Amino acid sequence: VASYQAHYVTVTGGEPLAQKNCLALLSTLCD
């Protein structure tokens, strides 16, 4: 994600919340 040097990130799918680790990904990207 960082390699693209963008300000906005969208997590999508499919249905992203079907994977439990999606929550950790969202928080990490916010961090």
All heavy atoms as atom14 arrays in JSON, in Angstrom:
{
  "sequence": "VASYQAHYVTVTGGEPLAQKNCLALLSTLCD",
  "atom14_mask": [
    [1, 1, 1, 1, 1, 1, 1, 0, 0, 0, 0, 0, 0, 0],
    [1, 1, 1, 1, 1, 0, 0, 0, 0, 0, 0, 0, 0, 0],
    [1, 1, 1, 1, 1, 1, 0, 0, 0, 0, 0, 0, 0, 0],
    [1, 1, 1, 1, 1, 1, 1, 1, 1, 1, 1, 1, 0, 0],
    [1, 1, 1, 1, 1, 1, 1, 1, 1, 0, 0, 0, 0, 0],
    [1, 1, 1, 1, 1, 0, 0, 0, 0, 0, 0, 0, 0, 0],
    [1, 1, 1, 1, 1, 1, 1, 1, 1, 1, 0, 0, 0, 0],
    [1, 1, 1, 1, 1, 1, 1, 1, 1, 1, 1, 1, 0, 0],
    [1, 1, 1, 1, 1, 1, 1, 0, 0, 0, 0, 0, 0, 0],
    [1, 1, 1, 1, 1, 1, 1, 0, 0, 0, 0, 0, 0, 0],
    [1, 1, 1, 1, 1, 1, 1, 0, 0, 0, 0, 0, 0, 0],
    [1, 1, 1, 1, 1, 1, 1, 0, 0, 0, 0, 0, 0, 0],
    [1, 1, 1, 1, 0, 0, 0, 0, 0, 0, 0, 0, 0, 0],
    [1, 1, 1, 1, 0, 0, 0, 0, 0, 0, 0, 0, 0, 0],
    [1, 1, 1, 1, 1, 1, 1, 1, 1, 0, 0, 0, 0, 0],
    [1, 1, 1, 1, 1, 1, 1, 0, 0, 0, 0, 0, 0, 0],
    [1, 1, 1, 1, 1, 1, 1, 1, 0, 0, 0, 0, 0, 0],
    [1, 1, 1, 1, 1, 0, 0, 0, 0, 0, 0, 0, 0, 0],
    [1, 1, 1, 1, 1, 1, 1, 1, 1, 0, 0, 0, 0, 0],
    [1, 1, 1, 1, 1, 1, 1, 1, 1, 0, 0, 0, 0, 0],
    [1, 1, 1, 1, 1, 1, 1, 1, 0, 0, 0, 0, 0, 0],
    [1, 1, 1, 1, 1, 1, 0, 0, 0, 0, 0, 0, 0, 0],
    [1, 1, 1, 1, 1, 1, 1, 1, 0, 0, 0, 0, 0, 0],
    [1, 1, 1, 1, 1, 0, 0, 0, 0, 0, 0, 0, 0, 0],
    [1, 1, 1, 1, 1, 1, 1, 1, 0, 0, 0, 0, 0, 0],
    [1, 1, 1, 1, 1, 1, 1, 1, 0, 0, 0, 0, 0, 0],
    [1, 1, 1, 1, 1, 1, 0, 0, 0, 0, 0, 0, 0, 0],
    [1, 1, 1, 1, 1, 1, 1, 0, 0, 0, 0, 0, 0, 0],
    [1, 1, 1, 1, 1, 1, 1, 1, 0, 0, 0, 0, 0, 0],
    [1, 1, 1, 1, 1, 1, 0, 0, 0, 0, 0, 0, 0, 0],
    [1, 1, 1, 1, 1, 1, 1, 1, 0, 0, 0, 0, 0, 0]
  ],
  "atom14_positions": [
    [[0.84, -1.2, 0.0], [0.0, 0.0, 0.0], [0.88, 1.25, 0.0], [0.65, 2.2, -0.76], [-0.95, -0.01, 1.21], [-1.62, 1.36, 1.38], [-2.01, -1.09, 1.07], [0.0, 0.0, 0.0], [0.0, 0.0, 0.0], [0.0, 0.0, 0.0], [0.0, 0.0, 0.0], [0.0, 0.0, 0.0], [0.0, 0.0, 0.0], [0.0, 0.0, 0.0]],
    [[1.91, 1.26, 0.84], [2.78, 2.43, 0.96], [3.51, 2.75, -0.34], [3.82, 3.92, -0.63], [3.79, 2.22, 2.08], [0.0, 0.0, 0.0], [0.0, 0.0, 0.0], [0.0, 0.0, 0.0], [0.0, 0.0, 0.0], [0.0, 0.0, 0.0], [0.0, 0.0, 0.0], [0.0, 0.0, 0.0], [0.0, 0.0, 0.0], [0.0, 0.0, 0.0]],
    [[3.75, 1.73, -1.15], [4.51, 1.93, -2.38], [3.79, 2.85, -3.37], [4.43, 3.44, -4.25], [4.81, 0.59, -3.04], [3.63, 0.01, -3.61], [0.0, 0.0, 0.0], [0.0, 0.0, 0.0], [0.0, 0.0, 0.0], [0.0, 0.0, 0.0], [0.0, 0.0, 0.0], [0.0, 0.0, 0.0], [0.0, 0.0, 0.0], [0.0, 0.0, 0.0]],
    [[2.48, 3.0, -3.23], [1.72, 3.83, -4.16], [1.67, 5.29, -3.74], [1.21, 6.14, -4.51], [0.3, 3.29, -4.31], [0.24, 1.93, -4.98], [-0.12, 0.8, -4.26], [0.53, 1.78, -6.32], [-0.19, -0.44, -4.86], [0.48, 0.54, -6.95], [0.12, -0.56, -6.2], [0.06, -1.8, -6.8], [0.0, 0.0, 0.0], [0.0, 0.0, 0.0]],
    [[2.07, 5.59, -2.53], [2.16, 6.96, -2.03], [0.83, 7.72, -2.16], [0.8, 8.88, -2.61], [3.29, 7.72, -2.74], [4.65, 7.06, -2.56], [5.76, 7.8, -3.29], [5.53, 8.77, -3.99], [6.98, 7.33, -3.12], [0.0, 0.0, 0.0], [0.0, 0.0, 0.0], [0.0, 0.0, 0.0], [0.0, 0.0, 0.0], [0.0, 0.0, 0.0]],
    [[-0.25, 7.08, -1.79], [-1.58, 7.7, -1.84], [-2.05, 8.04, -0.43], [-1.57, 7.46, 0.56], [-2.57, 6.77, -2.52], [0.0, 0.0, 0.0], [0.0, 0.0, 0.0], [0.0, 0.0, 0.0], [0.0, 0.0, 0.0], [0.0, 0.0, 0.0], [0.0, 0.0, 0.0], [0.0, 0.0, 0.0], [0.0, 0.0, 0.0], [0.0, 0.0, 0.0]],
    [[-2.99, 8.95, -0.36], [-3.52, 9.36, 0.95], [-4.73, 8.52, 1.35], [-4.97, 8.29, 2.53], [-3.92, 10.84, 0.89], [-4.5, 11.36, 2.16], [-3.79, 11.44, 3.34], [-5.75, 11.82, 2.45], [-4.55, 11.95, 4.29], [-5.74, 12.17, 3.78], [0.0, 0.0, 0.0], [0.0, 0.0, 0.0], [0.0, 0.0, 0.0], [0.0, 0.0, 0.0]],
    [[-5.5, 8.06, 0.37], [-6.74, 7.32, 0.63], [-6.54, 5.84, 0.38], [-5.91, 5.43, -0.6], [-7.87, 7.83, -0.27], [-8.27, 9.26, 0.01], [-7.69, 10.32, -0.68], [-9.22, 9.55, 0.99], [-8.05, 11.63, -0.41], [-9.58, 10.86, 1.27], [-9.0, 11.9, 0.56], [-9.35, 13.2, 0.83], [0.0, 0.0, 0.0], [0.0, 0.0, 0.0]],
    [[-7.09, 5.03, 1.27], [-7.06, 3.57, 1.12], [-8.47, 3.03, 1.33], [-9.13, 3.39, 2.32], [-6.1, 2.9, 2.12], [-6.11, 1.38, 1.93], [-4.68, 3.45, 1.97], [0.0, 0.0, 0.0], [0.0, 0.0, 0.0], [0.0, 0.0, 0.0], [0.0, 0.0, 0.0], [0.0, 0.0, 0.0], [0.0, 0.0, 0.0], [0.0, 0.0, 0.0]],
    [[-8.92, 2.19, 0.42], [-10.22, 1.53, 0.55], [-10.01, 0.03, 0.68], [-9.36, -0.59, -0.16], [-11.11, 1.82, -0.67], [-11.45, 3.21, -0.69], [-12.4, 1.0, -0.62], [0.0, 0.0, 0.0], [0.0, 0.0, 0.0], [0.0, 0.0, 0.0], [0.0, 0.0, 0.0], [0.0, 0.0, 0.0], [0.0, 0.0, 0.0], [0.0, 0.0, 0.0]],
    [[-10.57, -0.54, 1.74], [-10.55, -1.99, 1.93], [-11.9, -2.52, 1.47], [-12.95, -2.09, 1.95], [-10.28, -2.36, 3.4], [-10.33, -3.87, 3.6], [-8.91, -1.8, 3.84], [0.0, 0.0, 0.0], [0.0, 0.0, 0.0], [0.0, 0.0, 0.0], [0.0, 0.0, 0.0], [0.0, 0.0, 0.0], [0.0, 0.0, 0.0], [0.0, 0.0, 0.0]],
    [[-11.87, -3.44, 0.51], [-13.08, -3.88, -0.15], [-13.02, -5.37, -0.4], [-12.17, -6.07, 0.12], [-13.29, -3.06, -1.46], [-14.55, -3.39, -2.03], [-12.17, -3.29, -2.44], [0.0, 0.0, 0.0], [0.0, 0.0, 0.0], [0.0, 0.0, 0.0], [0.0, 0.0, 0.0], [0.0, 0.0, 0.0], [0.0, 0.0, 0.0], [0.0, 0.0, 0.0]],
    [[-13.95, -5.89, -1.2], [-14.0, -7.31, -1.46], [-14.65, -7.6, -2.8], [-14.6, -6.75, -3.69], [0.0, 0.0, 0.0], [0.0, 0.0, 0.0], [0.0, 0.0, 0.0], [0.0, 0.0, 0.0], [0.0, 0.0, 0.0], [0.0, 0.0, 0.0], [0.0, 0.0, 0.0], [0.0, 0.0, 0.0], [0.0, 0.0, 0.0], [0.0, 0.0, 0.0]],
    [[-15.36, -8.72, -2.89], [-15.81, -9.59, -1.82], [-16.45, -8.84, -0.65], [-16.92, -7.73, -0.76], [0.0, 0.0, 0.0], [0.0, 0.0, 0.0], [0.0, 0.0, 0.0], [0.0, 0.0, 0.0], [0.0, 0.0, 0.0], [0.0, 0.0, 0.0], [0.0, 0.0, 0.0], [0.0, 0.0, 0.0], [0.0, 0.0, 0.0], [0.0, 0.0, 0.0]],
    [[-16.44, -9.52, 0.45], [-16.88, -8.94, 1.72], [-15.69, -8.98, 2.67], [-15.36, -10.04, 3.22], [-18.06, -9.71, 2.29], [-18.41, -9.38, 3.73], [-18.53, -7.87, 3.98], [-19.47, -7.26, 3.44], [-17.67, -7.32, 4.7], [0.0, 0.0, 0.0], [0.0, 0.0, 0.0], [0.0, 0.0, 0.0], [0.0, 0.0, 0.0], [0.0, 0.0, 0.0]],
    [[-15.01, -7.86, 2.87], [-13.78, -7.87, 3.67], [-13.96, -8.35, 5.1], [-13.07, -8.99, 5.66], [-13.3, -6.42, 3.6], [-14.47, -5.62, 3.15], [-15.29, -6.53, 2.3], [0.0, 0.0, 0.0], [0.0, 0.0, 0.0], [0.0, 0.0, 0.0], [0.0, 0.0, 0.0], [0.0, 0.0, 0.0], [0.0, 0.0, 0.0], [0.0, 0.0, 0.0]],
    [[-15.11, -8.06, 5.7], [-15.31, -8.43, 7.1], [-15.5, -9.94, 7.28], [-15.54, -10.42, 8.42], [-16.5, -7.68, 7.69], [-16.29, -6.17, 7.87], [-17.56, -5.51, 8.37], [-15.13, -5.88, 8.8], [0.0, 0.0, 0.0], [0.0, 0.0, 0.0], [0.0, 0.0, 0.0], [0.0, 0.0, 0.0], [0.0, 0.0, 0.0], [0.0, 0.0, 0.0]],
    [[-15.59, -10.68, 6.19], [-15.67, -12.14, 6.29], [-14.34, -12.72, 6.78], [-14.3, -13.88, 7.21], [-16.06, -12.75, 4.95], [0.0, 0.0, 0.0], [0.0, 0.0, 0.0], [0.0, 0.0, 0.0], [0.0, 0.0, 0.0], [0.0, 0.0, 0.0], [0.0, 0.0, 0.0], [0.0, 0.0, 0.0], [0.0, 0.0, 0.0], [0.0, 0.0, 0.0]],
    [[-13.27, -11.94, 6.69], [-11.98, -12.37, 7.23], [-11.73, -11.63, 8.55], [-11.71, -10.39, 8.57], [-10.85, -12.07, 6.24], [-10.95, -12.85, 4.94], [-9.7, -12.72, 4.09], [-8.58, -12.86, 4.59], [-9.88, -12.49, 2.8], [0.0, 0.0, 0.0], [0.0, 0.0, 0.0], [0.0, 0.0, 0.0], [0.0, 0.0, 0.0], [0.0, 0.0, 0.0]],
    [[-11.55, -12.37, 9.62], [-11.46, -11.75, 10.95], [-10.29, -10.79, 11.07], [-10.36, -9.8, 11.83], [-11.38, -12.82, 12.03], [-10.15, -13.7, 11.97], [-10.14, -14.73, 13.1], [-8.88, -15.58, 13.08], [-8.86, -16.57, 14.19], [0.0, 0.0, 0.0], [0.0, 0.0, 0.0], [0.0, 0.0, 0.0], [0.0, 0.0, 0.0], [0.0, 0.0, 0.0]],
    [[-9.21, -11.04, 10.34], [-8.05, -10.16, 10.44], [-8.23, -8.84, 9.69], [-7.35, -7.98, 9.73], [-6.8, -10.87, 9.93], [-6.29, -11.91, 10.91], [-6.55, -11.82, 12.11], [-5.58, -12.9, 10.41], [0.0, 0.0, 0.0], [0.0, 0.0, 0.0], [0.0, 0.0, 0.0], [0.0, 0.0, 0.0], [0.0, 0.0, 0.0], [0.0, 0.0, 0.0]],
    [[-9.38, -8.67, 9.05], [-9.68, -7.4, 8.4], [-9.67, -6.26, 9.42], [-9.22, -5.15, 9.13], [-11.04, -7.47, 7.7], [-11.56, -5.92, 6.93], [0.0, 0.0, 0.0], [0.0, 0.0, 0.0], [0.0, 0.0, 0.0], [0.0, 0.0, 0.0], [0.0, 0.0, 0.0], [0.0, 0.0, 0.0], [0.0, 0.0, 0.0], [0.0, 0.0, 0.0]],
    [[-10.15, -6.53, 10.62], [-10.2, -5.49, 11.65], [-8.81, -4.98, 11.99], [-8.59, -3.77, 12.14], [-10.9, -6.01, 12.91], [-12.36, -6.43, 12.73], [-12.91, -6.97, 14.05], [-13.22, -5.28, 12.23], [0.0, 0.0, 0.0], [0.0, 0.0, 0.0], [0.0, 0.0, 0.0], [0.0, 0.0, 0.0], [0.0, 0.0, 0.0], [0.0, 0.0, 0.0]],
    [[-7.85, -5.9, 12.09], [-6.47, -5.5, 12.37], [-5.88, -4.71, 11.21], [-5.14, -3.73, 11.42], [-5.61, -6.73, 12.65], [0.0, 0.0, 0.0], [0.0, 0.0, 0.0], [0.0, 0.0, 0.0], [0.0, 0.0, 0.0], [0.0, 0.0, 0.0], [0.0, 0.0, 0.0], [0.0, 0.0, 0.0], [0.0, 0.0, 0.0], [0.0, 0.0, 0.0]],
    [[-6.2, -5.11, 9.99], [-5.72, -4.38, 8.81], [-6.24, -2.95, 8.83], [-5.48, -1.99, 8.59], [-6.18, -5.1, 7.54], [-5.92, -4.36, 6.22], [-4.43, -4.16, 5.99], [-6.55, -5.11, 5.05], [0.0, 0.0, 0.0], [0.0, 0.0, 0.0], [0.0, 0.0, 0.0], [0.0, 0.0, 0.0], [0.0, 0.0, 0.0], [0.0, 0.0, 0.0]],
    [[-7.52, -2.77, 9.1], [-8.11, -1.43, 9.12], [-7.42, -0.55, 10.15], [-7.05, 0.6, 9.86], [-9.61, -1.53, 9.43], [-10.49, -2.17, 8.36], [-11.88, -2.46, 8.91], [-10.58, -1.29, 7.12], [0.0, 0.0, 0.0], [0.0, 0.0, 0.0], [0.0, 0.0, 0.0], [0.0, 0.0, 0.0], [0.0, 0.0, 0.0], [0.0, 0.0, 0.0]],
    [[-7.22, -1.06, 11.35], [-6.58, -0.27, 12.4], [-5.14, 0.06, 12.05], [-4.67, 1.18, 12.29], [-6.64, -1.03, 13.74], [-7.97, -1.12, 14.2], [0.0, 0.0, 0.0], [0.0, 0.0, 0.0], [0.0, 0.0, 0.0], [0.0, 0.0, 0.0], [0.0, 0.0, 0.0], [0.0, 0.0, 0.0], [0.0, 0.0, 0.0], [0.0, 0.0, 0.0]],
    [[-4.43, -0.91, 11.48], [-3.03, -0.67, 11.11], [-2.92, 0.41, 10.04], [-2.04, 1.29, 10.11], [-2.39, -1.97, 10.6], [-2.44, -2.96, 11.64], [-0.94, -1.75, 10.2], [0.0, 0.0, 0.0], [0.0, 0.0, 0.0], [0.0, 0.0, 0.0], [0.0, 0.0, 0.0], [0.0, 0.0, 0.0], [0.0, 0.0, 0.0], [0.0, 0.0, 0.0]],
    [[-3.79, 0.39, 9.06], [-3.78, 1.41, 8.02], [-4.09, 2.8, 8.6], [-3.47, 3.8, 8.23], [-4.78, 1.07, 6.92], [-4.42, -0.15, 6.06], [-5.6, -0.55, 5.17], [-3.19, 0.13, 5.2], [0.0, 0.0, 0.0], [0.0, 0.0, 0.0], [0.0, 0.0, 0.0], [0.0, 0.0, 0.0], [0.0, 0.0, 0.0], [0.0, 0.0, 0.0]],
    [[-5.02, 2.85, 9.54], [-5.31, 4.12, 10.21], [-4.08, 4.61, 10.98], [-3.76, 5.81, 10.95], [-6.5, 3.97, 11.16], [-8.11, 3.77, 10.36], [0.0, 0.0, 0.0], [0.0, 0.0, 0.0], [0.0, 0.0, 0.0], [0.0, 0.0, 0.0], [0.0, 0.0, 0.0], [0.0, 0.0, 0.0], [0.0, 0.0, 0.0], [0.0, 0.0, 0.0]],
    [[-3.4, 3.69, 11.65], [-2.2, 4.05, 12.41], [-1.12, 4.63, 11.51], [-0.29, 5.44, 11.95], [-1.64, 2.83, 13.14], [-2.52, 2.34, 14.28], [-3.39, 3.12, 14.73], [-2.34, 1.18, 14.71], [0.0, 0.0, 0.0], [0.0, 0.0, 0.0], [0.0, 0.0, 0.0], [0.0, 0.0, 0.0], [0.0, 0.0, 0.0], [0.0, 0.0, 0.0]]
  ]
}
